[in-house]
Amino acid sequence: MIDVFIAFFSLLAVIFAALVLTLRQPMRCALALVSHMICLAGIYAALGAHVIAMFQVLIYVGAVMVFMVYTIMLLDDRDDSYRHPYARKIVPAVVVGLGFAAVVWAAIGYLPAQPAAAAPAVDPFTFAAFSLSFMKYYWFHFELATVLLLIGVVAAWTAVKEGL
């Protein structure tokens, strides 16, 4: 039964991700992204990672998407450039995207395998274990994502102010 839920949410996540890339209206893209993130939370919940599913909904669906929707509301959607936003840039974007995907794929292939630890049987998805692991190993990734989001918001704000 769990496999059916994971397959169902995975299919929906792929559909919503495709909608994020193909829809023209920024607000519709944001709503498709919200749906995609909710599907990811469903996958986490089906895998038994309830804490991560909760953080997915609270942080990404709640906080980050409200921030993005607020930024989209600052954009002028009557601009004619929204009707054909990717027409001139689609080929370079696909080339850069495929190159980036190849680099990430190669980097993942060269990552050293994690040795199987003979640690005591601790459930890694409890709140205490997740918090300890997050603060020990993943705080830099979280802060880096925060800075990247801030840069994106400042860039969008600057683009609106400059009329780009």
Foldseek 3Di string as FASTA:
>chain_A
DLVVLLVVLVVLLVVLVVCLVPDLQNVSNLVSVLSNLLSVLSNCVSVVLNVVSVCSCCPVNNPLSVVVVVLSVLADPVDPCSVPVCVVPVVVVVVVVVVVVVVVVVVVVPDDDDDDDPDPDDDCRDPVNVVVCCVPPPVVVVVVVVVVSVVVSVVSVVCRVVVD
